[in-house]
C-alpha atoms as a PDB file:
ATOM      1  CA  MET A   1      -0.010  -0.138   0.096  1.00  0.00           C
ATOM      2  CA  ASN A   2       1.440   3.312  -1.051  1.00  0.00           C
ATOM      3  CA  ILE A   3       0.985   5.937   1.877  1.00  0.00           C
ATOM      4  CA  GLU A   4       1.379   9.488   0.425  1.00  0.00           C
ATOM      5  CA  SER A   5       1.814  12.478   2.972  1.00  0.00           C
ATOM      6  CA  THR A   6      -1.245  14.617   2.670  1.00  0.00           C
ATOM      7  CA  PRO A   7      -0.440  18.344   2.550  1.00  0.00           C
ATOM      8  CA  THR A   8      -1.826  20.667   5.588  1.00  0.00           C
ATOM      9  CA  GLY A   9      -2.195  24.015   3.771  1.00  0.00           C
ATOM     10  CA  GLY A  10      -5.635  25.091   2.731  1.00  0.00           C
ATOM     11  CA  THR A  11      -4.644  25.826  -1.202  1.00  0.00           C
ATOM     12  CA  ALA A  12      -2.138  22.807  -1.192  1.00  0.00           C
ATOM     13  CA  LEU A  13      -4.949  20.420   0.149  1.00  0.00           C
ATOM     14  CA  ALA A  14      -7.227  21.790  -2.214  1.00  0.00           C
ATOM     15  CA  GLU A  15      -4.824  20.961  -5.193  1.00  0.00           C
ATOM     16  CA  TYR A  16      -4.138  17.572  -3.578  1.00  0.00           C
ATOM     17  CA  LEU A  17      -7.873  16.538  -3.332  1.00  0.00           C
ATOM     18  CA  LEU A  18      -8.580  17.962  -6.812  1.00  0.00           C
ATOM     19  CA  THR A  19      -5.880  15.786  -8.416  1.00  0.00           C
ATOM     20  CA  LYS A  20      -6.781  12.563  -6.280  1.00  0.00           C
ATOM     21  CA  CYS A  21     -10.532  13.293  -7.384  1.00  0.00           C
ATOM     22  CA  GLN A  22      -9.836  13.568 -11.058  1.00  0.00           C
ATOM     23  CA  THR A  23      -7.432  10.424 -10.995  1.00  0.00           C
ATOM     24  CA  LEU A  24     -10.095   8.580  -9.419  1.00  0.00           C
ATOM     25  CA  LEU A  25     -12.820   9.777 -12.298  1.00  0.00           C
ATOM     26  CA  ASN A  26     -10.109   8.723 -14.834  1.00  0.00           C
ATOM     27  CA  GLU A  27      -9.781   5.335 -13.381  1.00  0.00           C
ATOM     28  CA  LEU A  28     -13.506   4.731 -12.944  1.00  0.00           C
ATOM     29  CA  GLU A  29     -13.774   5.784 -16.766  1.00  0.00           C
ATOM     30  CA  ALA A  30     -11.168   3.142 -17.602  1.00  0.00           C
ATOM     31  CA  PHE A  31     -12.855   0.483 -15.549  1.00  0.00           C
ATOM     32  CA  SER A  32     -16.119   0.985 -17.285  1.00  0.00           C
ATOM     33  CA  THR A  33     -14.515   0.860 -20.406  1.00  0.00           C
ATOM     34  CA  PHE A  34     -13.027  -2.342 -19.580  1.00  0.00           C
ATOM     35  CA  VAL A  35     -16.108  -3.905 -18.255  1.00  0.00           C
ATOM     36  CA  THR A  36     -18.075  -2.803 -21.412  1.00  0.00           C
ATOM     37  CA  GLU A  37     -15.201  -4.324 -23.631  1.00  0.00           C
ATOM     38  CA  GLN A  38     -15.407  -7.625 -21.768  1.00  0.00           C
ATOM     39  CA  LYS A  39     -18.953  -8.146 -21.853  1.00  0.00           C
ATOM     40  CA  LEU A  40     -19.022  -9.491 -18.483  1.00  0.00           C
ATOM     41  CA  GLU A  41     -22.251 -11.244 -17.470  1.00  0.00           C
ATOM     42  CA  GLN A  42     -22.944  -9.083 -14.443  1.00  0.00           C
ATOM     43  CA  ASP A  43     -22.354  -5.580 -15.605  1.00  0.00           C
ATOM     44  CA  PRO A  44     -21.652  -3.202 -12.559  1.00  0.00           C
ATOM     45  CA  ALA A  45     -22.240  -0.246 -14.811  1.00  0.00           C
ATOM     46  CA  ALA A  46     -25.104   1.128 -12.997  1.00  0.00           C
ATOM     47  CA  GLU A  47     -23.033   0.982  -9.494  1.00  0.00           C
ATOM     48  CA  THR A  48     -19.957   2.468 -10.958  1.00  0.00           C
ATOM     49  CA  ARG A  49     -22.008   5.129 -12.764  1.00  0.00           C
ATOM     50  CA  LYS A  50     -23.530   6.252  -9.504  1.00  0.00           C
ATOM     51  CA  PHE A  51     -20.410   6.179  -7.653  1.00  0.00           C
ATOM     52  CA  GLN A  52     -18.733   8.036 -10.654  1.00  0.00           C
ATOM     53  CA  ASN A  53     -21.518  10.697 -10.480  1.00  0.00           C
ATOM     54  CA  SER A  54     -20.714  11.381  -6.702  1.00  0.00           C
ATOM     55  CA  VAL A  55     -17.085  11.527  -7.305  1.00  0.00           C
ATOM     56  CA  ALA A  56     -17.711  14.142 -10.340  1.00  0.00           C
ATOM     57  CA  THR A  57     -20.110  16.172  -7.893  1.00  0.00           C
ATOM     58  CA  GLU A  58     -17.466  16.279  -5.297  1.00  0.00           C
ATOM     59  CA  LEU A  59     -14.718  17.242  -7.729  1.00  0.00           C
ATOM     60  CA  LYS A  60     -17.234  20.370  -8.712  1.00  0.00           C
ATOM     61  CA  SER A  61     -17.637  21.134  -4.857  1.00  0.00           C
ATOM     62  CA  LEU A  62     -13.730  21.010  -4.453  1.00  0.00           C
ATOM     63  CA  GLN A  63     -13.267  23.351  -7.482  1.00  0.00           C
ATOM     64  CA  LYS A  64     -15.787  25.799  -5.974  1.00  0.00           C
ATOM     65  CA  VAL A  65     -13.974  25.672  -2.815  1.00  0.00           C
ATOM     66  CA  GLN A  66     -10.718  26.205  -4.191  1.00  0.00           C
ATOM     67  CA  GLU A  67     -11.646  29.444  -6.405  1.00  0.00           C
ATOM     68  CA  PRO A  68     -12.336  31.718  -3.392  1.00  0.00           C
ATOM     69  CA  SER A  69      -9.082  30.236  -1.503  1.00  0.00           C
ATOM     70  CA  ALA A  70      -7.145  31.173  -4.579  1.00  0.00           C
ATOM     71  CA  ALA A  71      -8.383  34.630  -4.238  1.00  0.00           C
ATOM     72  CA  PHE A  72      -7.495  34.981  -0.548  1.00  0.00           C
ATOM     73  CA  SER A  73      -3.945  33.541  -1.241  1.00  0.00           C
ATOM     74  CA  SER A  74      -3.173  35.987  -3.913  1.00  0.00           C
ATOM     75  CA  PRO A  75      -1.394  39.303  -2.604  1.00  0.00           C
ATOM     76  CA  SER A  76      -3.675  42.342  -2.621  1.00  0.00           C
ATOM     77  CA  ILE A  77      -2.443  45.770  -4.290  1.00  0.00           C
ATOM     78  CA  ARG A  78      -2.902  48.882  -2.098  1.00  0.00           C
END
């Protein structure tokens, strides 16, 4: 099992979570394609689609949270 250190800063943590979420979505898409190509008897498409939609929703939420944090982290001009 690969254990990575998780960043603790707000912006770094948001970037980390966005990257992990996008990777998971890509892997789910690859799995769905594999299952379709293999024409397995018990197609888990409905279950994976539901999970994939949940992850996509979480990704959108993370992106919305990150947008305001980027505005706070940039220096203001006075």
